[in-house]
N, C-alpha and C. Protein backbone atom coordinates (compact mmCIF):
# COMPACT_ATOMS: atom_id res chain seq x y z
N MET A 1 -19.50 5.94 -9.52
CA MET A 1 -18.39 6.01 -9.15
C MET A 1 -18.14 7.73 -8.40
N LEU A 2 -19.05 8.39 -8.38
CA LEU A 2 -18.27 9.32 -7.91
C LEU A 2 -19.00 9.09 -6.36
N ALA A 3 -19.43 8.00 -6.32
CA ALA A 3 -20.24 7.93 -4.58
C ALA A 3 -19.08 7.15 -3.92
N ALA A 4 -18.26 6.58 -4.96
CA ALA A 4 -16.88 5.27 -4.49
C ALA A 4 -15.56 6.29 -4.43
N ASN A 5 -15.92 7.30 -5.11
CA ASN A 5 -14.45 8.57 -4.77
C ASN A 5 -15.09 9.25 -3.17
N VAL A 6 -15.75 9.54 -3.60
CA VAL A 6 -16.83 10.57 -2.06
C VAL A 6 -16.46 9.78 -0.83
N ALA A 7 -16.63 8.42 -0.93
CA ALA A 7 -16.70 7.77 0.46
C ALA A 7 -15.24 7.88 0.77
N TYR A 8 -14.76 7.19 -0.05
CA TYR A 8 -13.03 6.90 0.02
C TYR A 8 -12.32 8.01 0.53
N LYS A 9 -12.62 9.14 0.01
CA LYS A 9 -11.69 10.68 0.08
C LYS A 9 -12.20 10.71 2.12
N ILE A 10 -13.60 10.55 2.09
CA ILE A 10 -14.06 10.86 3.29
C ILE A 10 -13.47 9.91 4.69
N ALA A 11 -13.07 8.43 4.21
CA ALA A 11 -12.72 7.49 5.07
C ALA A 11 -11.25 8.25 5.16
N GLU A 12 -10.82 8.37 4.12
CA GLU A 12 -9.39 8.89 4.52
C GLU A 12 -8.62 10.14 5.37
N LYS A 13 -9.81 10.97 5.11
CA LYS A 13 -10.00 12.14 6.28
C LYS A 13 -10.36 11.21 7.57
N GLY A 14 -10.51 10.06 8.21
CA GLY A 14 -10.25 9.63 9.26
C GLY A 14 -11.86 9.28 9.88
N LYS A 15 -13.24 9.57 8.53
CA LYS A 15 -14.72 8.78 9.24
C LYS A 15 -14.78 7.72 8.95
N ASN A 16 -15.64 7.31 9.68
CA ASN A 16 -15.66 5.90 9.31
C ASN A 16 -17.26 5.91 8.18
N VAL A 17 -17.77 5.33 7.19
CA VAL A 17 -18.26 5.50 6.20
C VAL A 17 -18.75 4.23 5.52
N LEU A 18 -19.99 3.75 5.47
CA LEU A 18 -20.63 2.89 4.94
C LEU A 18 -21.27 3.01 3.67
N LEU A 19 -20.90 2.84 2.60
CA LEU A 19 -21.51 2.79 0.90
C LEU A 19 -22.10 1.58 0.72
N VAL A 20 -23.64 2.27 0.69
CA VAL A 20 -24.71 1.01 0.20
C VAL A 20 -24.81 0.80 -1.07
N ASP A 21 -24.32 -0.03 -2.02
CA ASP A 21 -25.21 -0.75 -3.66
C ASP A 21 -26.25 -1.42 -3.68
N TRP A 22 -27.24 0.02 -3.22
CA TRP A 22 -28.71 0.12 -3.62
C TRP A 22 -28.73 -0.73 -5.32
N ASP A 23 -27.79 -0.31 -6.07
CA ASP A 23 -28.47 -0.91 -7.31
C ASP A 23 -28.35 -2.33 -7.92
N ILE A 24 -29.45 -3.17 -7.39
CA ILE A 24 -29.83 -4.39 -7.44
C ILE A 24 -29.60 -5.01 -8.57
N GLU A 25 -29.98 -4.22 -9.66
CA GLU A 25 -30.43 -4.53 -11.03
C GLU A 25 -28.88 -5.09 -11.58
N ALA A 26 -27.97 -3.60 -11.13
CA ALA A 26 -26.99 -3.72 -11.94
C ALA A 26 -25.52 -3.70 -11.41
N PRO A 27 -25.43 -4.04 -10.03
CA PRO A 27 -24.47 -3.69 -8.89
C PRO A 27 -23.13 -3.50 -9.46
N GLY A 28 -22.72 -2.38 -9.16
CA GLY A 28 -20.88 -2.13 -9.62
C GLY A 28 -20.33 -1.24 -8.71
N ILE A 29 -20.61 -0.79 -7.50
CA ILE A 29 -19.61 0.04 -6.47
C ILE A 29 -18.68 -1.29 -6.21
N GLY A 30 -18.62 -2.26 -6.31
CA GLY A 30 -17.65 -3.21 -5.82
C GLY A 30 -16.27 -3.12 -7.31
N ASN A 31 -16.77 -2.86 -8.28
CA ASN A 31 -15.55 -2.76 -9.47
C ASN A 31 -14.62 -1.71 -9.08
N PHE A 32 -15.55 -0.46 -8.57
CA PHE A 32 -14.13 0.74 -7.79
C PHE A 32 -13.41 -0.06 -6.88
N PHE A 33 -13.38 -0.71 -6.05
CA PHE A 33 -12.75 -1.22 -5.13
C PHE A 33 -11.87 -2.86 -5.41
N ASP A 34 -11.97 -3.10 -7.04
CA ASP A 34 -11.19 -4.34 -6.99
C ASP A 34 -11.53 -5.59 -6.30
N LEU A 35 -13.30 -5.50 -6.57
CA LEU A 35 -13.65 -6.50 -5.96
C LEU A 35 -14.38 -7.43 -7.02
N SER A 36 -14.50 -7.27 -8.47
CA SER A 36 -14.45 -7.80 -9.56
C SER A 36 -13.95 -8.75 -9.97
N LYS A 37 -12.63 -8.84 -9.38
CA LYS A 37 -12.01 -9.98 -9.81
C LYS A 37 -11.56 -11.12 -8.52
N SER A 38 -10.77 -12.39 -9.27
CA SER A 38 -11.11 -13.02 -8.10
C SER A 38 -10.48 -13.01 -6.61
N GLY A 39 -10.54 -13.85 -5.59
CA GLY A 39 -10.36 -13.80 -3.90
C GLY A 39 -11.55 -13.75 -3.05
N SER A 40 -10.87 -14.17 -2.06
CA SER A 40 -11.42 -13.94 -1.08
C SER A 40 -12.58 -12.96 -0.65
N ALA A 41 -11.77 -11.22 -0.93
CA ALA A 41 -12.71 -10.36 -0.92
C ALA A 41 -14.19 -10.52 -2.05
N ALA A 42 -13.33 -10.57 -3.20
CA ALA A 42 -14.33 -10.40 -4.40
C ALA A 42 -15.53 -11.74 -4.11
N ASP A 43 -15.28 -12.59 -3.70
CA ASP A 43 -15.70 -13.68 -3.54
C ASP A 43 -16.98 -13.58 -2.58
N ARG A 44 -16.23 -12.58 -1.11
CA ARG A 44 -17.59 -12.87 -0.33
C ARG A 44 -18.30 -11.34 -1.10
N TRP A 45 -18.09 -10.08 -1.81
CA TRP A 45 -18.94 -8.96 -2.23
C TRP A 45 -19.61 -9.77 -3.31
N ARG A 46 -19.27 -10.85 -3.82
CA ARG A 46 -20.65 -11.62 -4.94
C ARG A 46 -21.62 -12.62 -3.90
N THR A 47 -21.55 -13.13 -2.72
CA THR A 47 -21.85 -13.85 -2.56
C THR A 47 -22.94 -13.64 -1.28
N SER A 48 -22.26 -12.71 -0.31
CA SER A 48 -22.55 -11.84 0.64
C SER A 48 -24.26 -11.70 0.49
N SER A 49 -24.91 -12.27 1.85
CA SER A 49 -26.33 -11.06 1.77
C SER A 49 -26.27 -9.09 1.47
N GLY A 50 -27.08 -8.60 1.21
CA GLY A 50 -27.13 -7.53 1.04
C GLY A 50 -28.15 -6.83 1.25
N VAL A 51 -28.34 -5.69 0.52
CA VAL A 51 -29.54 -4.65 0.68
C VAL A 51 -31.21 -5.49 0.02
N PHE A 52 -30.93 -6.31 -0.64
CA PHE A 52 -32.18 -6.92 -1.36
C PHE A 52 -32.77 -8.23 0.29
N ASP A 53 -31.35 -8.83 0.73
CA ASP A 53 -32.19 -9.42 1.91
C ASP A 53 -32.26 -8.49 2.87
N LEU A 54 -31.55 -7.72 3.30
CA LEU A 54 -32.37 -7.01 4.56
C LEU A 54 -33.06 -5.88 4.17
N LEU A 55 -33.67 -5.75 2.91
CA LEU A 55 -35.12 -5.38 2.71
C LEU A 55 -36.25 -6.87 2.57
N ALA A 56 -35.72 -7.68 2.38
CA ALA A 56 -36.89 -8.98 2.67
C ALA A 56 -36.76 -9.20 4.09
N GLU A 57 -36.13 -8.95 5.04
CA GLU A 57 -35.77 -9.17 6.83
C GLU A 57 -36.84 -8.05 7.29
N CYS A 58 -37.14 -6.91 6.51
CA CYS A 58 -37.64 -6.24 7.31
C CYS A 58 -39.21 -6.56 7.08
N ARG A 59 -39.30 -7.13 6.25
CA ARG A 59 -40.77 -7.75 6.12
C ARG A 59 -41.12 -8.17 6.86
N ASP A 60 -40.25 -9.24 7.89
CA ASP A 60 -40.15 -10.26 8.81
C ASP A 60 -41.43 -9.34 9.95
N GLU A 61 -42.04 -10.57 10.04
CA GLU A 61 -43.11 -9.69 11.51
C GLU A 61 -42.80 -10.14 12.98
N SER A 62 -41.56 -10.22 13.57
CA SER A 62 -40.97 -11.33 14.40
C SER A 62 -41.39 -10.07 15.45
N GLY A 63 -41.38 -8.76 15.35
CA GLY A 63 -41.42 -7.50 16.46
C GLY A 63 -39.97 -7.31 16.76
N VAL A 64 -38.73 -7.71 16.14
CA VAL A 64 -37.66 -7.35 16.24
C VAL A 64 -37.50 -5.73 16.08
N LYS A 65 -37.10 -4.82 16.43
CA LYS A 65 -37.19 -3.62 16.35
C LYS A 65 -36.31 -3.54 14.88
N LEU A 66 -36.21 -2.63 14.37
CA LEU A 66 -36.23 -2.43 12.75
C LEU A 66 -34.02 -2.14 12.86
N LEU A 67 -34.04 -1.24 13.47
CA LEU A 67 -32.68 -0.74 14.40
C LEU A 67 -31.76 -1.64 14.99
N ASP A 68 -32.34 -2.70 15.70
CA ASP A 68 -31.50 -3.75 16.00
C ASP A 68 -31.33 -4.33 15.19
N LYS A 69 -32.23 -5.05 14.27
CA LYS A 69 -32.42 -6.04 12.82
C LYS A 69 -31.09 -5.17 12.00
N VAL A 70 -31.35 -4.19 11.70
CA VAL A 70 -30.05 -3.82 11.04
C VAL A 70 -28.96 -3.54 11.12
N THR A 71 -28.46 -3.44 12.92
CA THR A 71 -27.52 -3.34 13.21
C THR A 71 -26.90 -4.76 13.48
N SER A 72 -27.82 -5.74 13.54
CA SER A 72 -27.32 -7.00 13.52
C SER A 72 -26.67 -7.65 11.85
N TYR A 73 -27.33 -7.23 11.30
CA TYR A 73 -27.44 -7.26 9.94
C TYR A 73 -26.38 -6.96 9.18
N LEU A 74 -25.64 -5.70 9.60
CA LEU A 74 -24.76 -4.80 9.63
C LEU A 74 -23.52 -5.67 10.05
N SER A 75 -23.35 -6.11 11.35
CA SER A 75 -22.44 -6.50 11.65
C SER A 75 -21.79 -7.88 11.25
N VAL A 76 -22.88 -8.18 9.86
CA VAL A 76 -21.69 -10.06 9.47
C VAL A 76 -21.59 -9.75 8.26
N ASN A 77 -22.68 -8.25 7.59
CA ASN A 77 -23.12 -8.55 5.69
C ASN A 77 -21.52 -7.60 4.97
N VAL A 78 -21.49 -6.90 6.09
CA VAL A 78 -20.13 -5.75 5.25
C VAL A 78 -19.25 -5.94 4.86
N LEU A 79 -18.30 -5.42 3.92
CA LEU A 79 -17.27 -5.62 3.35
C LEU A 79 -15.89 -4.75 3.60
N ASP A 80 -15.16 -5.07 4.05
CA ASP A 80 -14.28 -3.48 4.68
C ASP A 80 -13.35 -3.96 3.42
N VAL A 81 -13.19 -2.33 2.99
CA VAL A 81 -12.50 -2.04 1.80
C VAL A 81 -11.68 -1.04 2.05
N LEU A 82 -11.57 -0.20 3.37
CA LEU A 82 -10.27 0.46 3.31
C LEU A 82 -10.27 0.31 5.31
N THR A 83 -9.47 0.11 5.69
CA THR A 83 -9.01 0.19 7.40
C THR A 83 -7.93 0.92 7.74
N ASP A 84 -7.64 1.60 8.51
CA ASP A 84 -6.12 1.92 8.59
C ASP A 84 -6.63 3.03 10.27
N ALA A 85 -5.36 3.75 9.96
CA ALA A 85 -5.97 4.75 11.61
C ALA A 85 -6.53 5.69 11.04
N SER A 86 -7.00 6.02 10.34
CA SER A 86 -7.66 7.34 10.10
C SER A 86 -8.90 6.99 10.36
N GLY A 87 -9.36 5.82 9.09
CA GLY A 87 -11.02 5.80 9.18
C GLY A 87 -11.09 4.48 8.70
N ASN A 88 -12.62 4.48 8.28
CA ASN A 88 -12.96 2.72 7.67
C ASN A 88 -14.20 2.56 6.71
N LEU A 89 -13.66 2.21 5.83
CA LEU A 89 -15.25 2.67 4.74
C LEU A 89 -15.37 0.93 4.48
N LYS A 90 -16.70 0.77 4.64
CA LYS A 90 -17.51 -0.45 4.84
C LYS A 90 -18.56 -0.42 3.49
N LEU A 91 -18.36 -2.12 2.72
CA LEU A 91 -19.22 -1.77 1.85
C LEU A 91 -20.86 -2.42 1.83
N LEU A 92 -21.41 -1.90 1.47
CA LEU A 92 -22.84 -3.43 1.85
C LEU A 92 -23.26 -3.35 0.58
N GLY A 93 -22.85 -4.84 -0.49
CA GLY A 93 -23.53 -5.27 -1.27
C GLY A 93 -24.77 -5.67 -1.74
N PRO A 94 -25.23 -5.41 -2.92
CA PRO A 94 -26.57 -5.50 -3.47
C PRO A 94 -27.50 -7.05 -2.91
N GLY A 95 -26.71 -8.18 -2.64
CA GLY A 95 -27.37 -9.16 -2.55
C GLY A 95 -26.79 -10.63 -2.68
N ASN A 96 -26.10 -11.84 -2.69
CA ASN A 96 -26.14 -12.77 -3.22
C ASN A 96 -25.89 -12.74 -4.69
N GLN A 97 -25.23 -12.46 -5.60
CA GLN A 97 -25.24 -12.50 -6.89
C GLN A 97 -25.15 -13.55 -7.66
N THR A 98 -24.65 -14.24 -7.02
CA THR A 98 -24.38 -16.22 -7.34
C THR A 98 -25.05 -16.70 -7.24
N ALA A 99 -27.04 -16.45 -6.87
CA ALA A 99 -27.55 -17.16 -6.53
C ALA A 99 -28.26 -17.31 -7.35
N PRO A 100 -28.88 -18.85 -8.08
CA PRO A 100 -29.33 -18.76 -9.01
C PRO A 100 -30.67 -18.31 -9.46
N ASP A 101 -31.45 -17.83 -8.10
CA ASP A 101 -32.49 -17.13 -8.01
C ASP A 101 -32.59 -15.42 -7.73
N PHE A 102 -31.05 -14.81 -7.33
CA PHE A 102 -31.23 -13.43 -7.42
C PHE A 102 -31.70 -12.61 -8.60
N ALA A 103 -31.70 -13.10 -9.76
CA ALA A 103 -32.07 -11.89 -10.94
C ALA A 103 -33.83 -12.56 -10.90
N THR A 104 -34.49 -13.13 -10.26
CA THR A 104 -35.50 -14.27 -10.74
C THR A 104 -36.36 -13.03 -9.81
N ALA A 105 -35.47 -13.33 -8.42
CA ALA A 105 -36.27 -12.82 -6.51
C ALA A 105 -36.64 -11.38 -7.07
N GLN A 106 -35.60 -10.59 -7.36
CA GLN A 106 -35.57 -9.01 -7.90
C GLN A 106 -36.71 -9.12 -8.58
N MET A 107 -36.96 -9.35 -10.11
CA MET A 107 -37.75 -8.96 -10.92
C MET A 107 -38.78 -9.23 -10.60
N SER A 108 -39.05 -9.80 -9.63
CA SER A 108 -40.63 -10.46 -9.29
C SER A 108 -40.99 -10.00 -8.01
N ALA A 109 -39.91 -9.17 -7.36
CA ALA A 109 -40.49 -8.43 -5.87
C ALA A 109 -41.37 -7.41 -6.32
N ASP A 110 -42.73 -7.75 -5.15
CA ASP A 110 -43.90 -6.71 -5.06
C ASP A 110 -43.25 -5.24 -4.60
N TRP A 111 -42.40 -4.22 -5.38
CA TRP A 111 -42.06 -3.30 -4.73
C TRP A 111 -42.95 -2.26 -4.11
N ASN A 112 -44.19 -2.43 -4.88
CA ASN A 112 -45.27 -1.81 -4.73
C ASN A 112 -45.88 -1.87 -3.43
N GLY A 113 -46.41 -3.26 -3.01
CA GLY A 113 -46.49 -4.04 -2.53
C GLY A 113 -45.88 -3.63 -0.51
N PHE A 114 -44.25 -3.61 -0.84
CA PHE A 114 -43.11 -3.30 0.12
C PHE A 114 -43.65 -2.12 1.06
N TYR A 115 -43.78 -1.25 -0.11
CA TYR A 115 -43.75 0.35 -0.15
C TYR A 115 -45.09 0.25 0.85
N ALA A 116 -46.19 0.36 0.10
CA ALA A 116 -47.51 0.33 0.73
C ALA A 116 -47.29 -0.06 2.32
N GLY A 117 -47.11 -1.12 2.30
CA GLY A 117 -47.19 -2.38 3.85
C GLY A 117 -46.04 -1.35 4.36
N TYR A 118 -44.96 -0.79 4.05
CA TYR A 118 -43.77 -1.02 5.19
C TYR A 118 -43.14 0.55 4.98
N SER A 119 -43.54 1.47 4.20
CA SER A 119 -43.48 2.77 4.20
C SER A 119 -43.59 3.37 5.85
N ARG A 120 -44.82 3.45 6.17
CA ARG A 120 -44.96 3.67 7.35
C ARG A 120 -44.51 3.05 8.96
N LYS A 121 -44.51 2.00 8.55
CA LYS A 121 -43.93 1.19 9.69
C LYS A 121 -42.84 1.28 10.57
N TYR A 122 -42.19 1.80 9.38
CA TYR A 122 -40.58 2.47 10.06
C TYR A 122 -40.06 3.66 9.92
């Protein structure tokens, strides 16, 4: 809740803010922006790719620079929460929460292997 409030206030002050919901086990940042209800923004929040998918893409050995990969990824998968003349607040969720394998994929992820293999790469 603190992160959501601070991000919103910073955006109101004219800054551009990207708020990332890293809590892939129990995502909840969207609840603070009325994204838990039905509707196009809420549906996009629940079904868009997110942090979990971005981490999976970072494991790809295609030779694409990480910054290029992240920039491309964010241009498609963020949700505009606040957009006005002063600032913008964009939200990147945890991943497609409606996918049948979302919970299974995160529980079976080899986090130790990910950090061991990629922490120094980037």
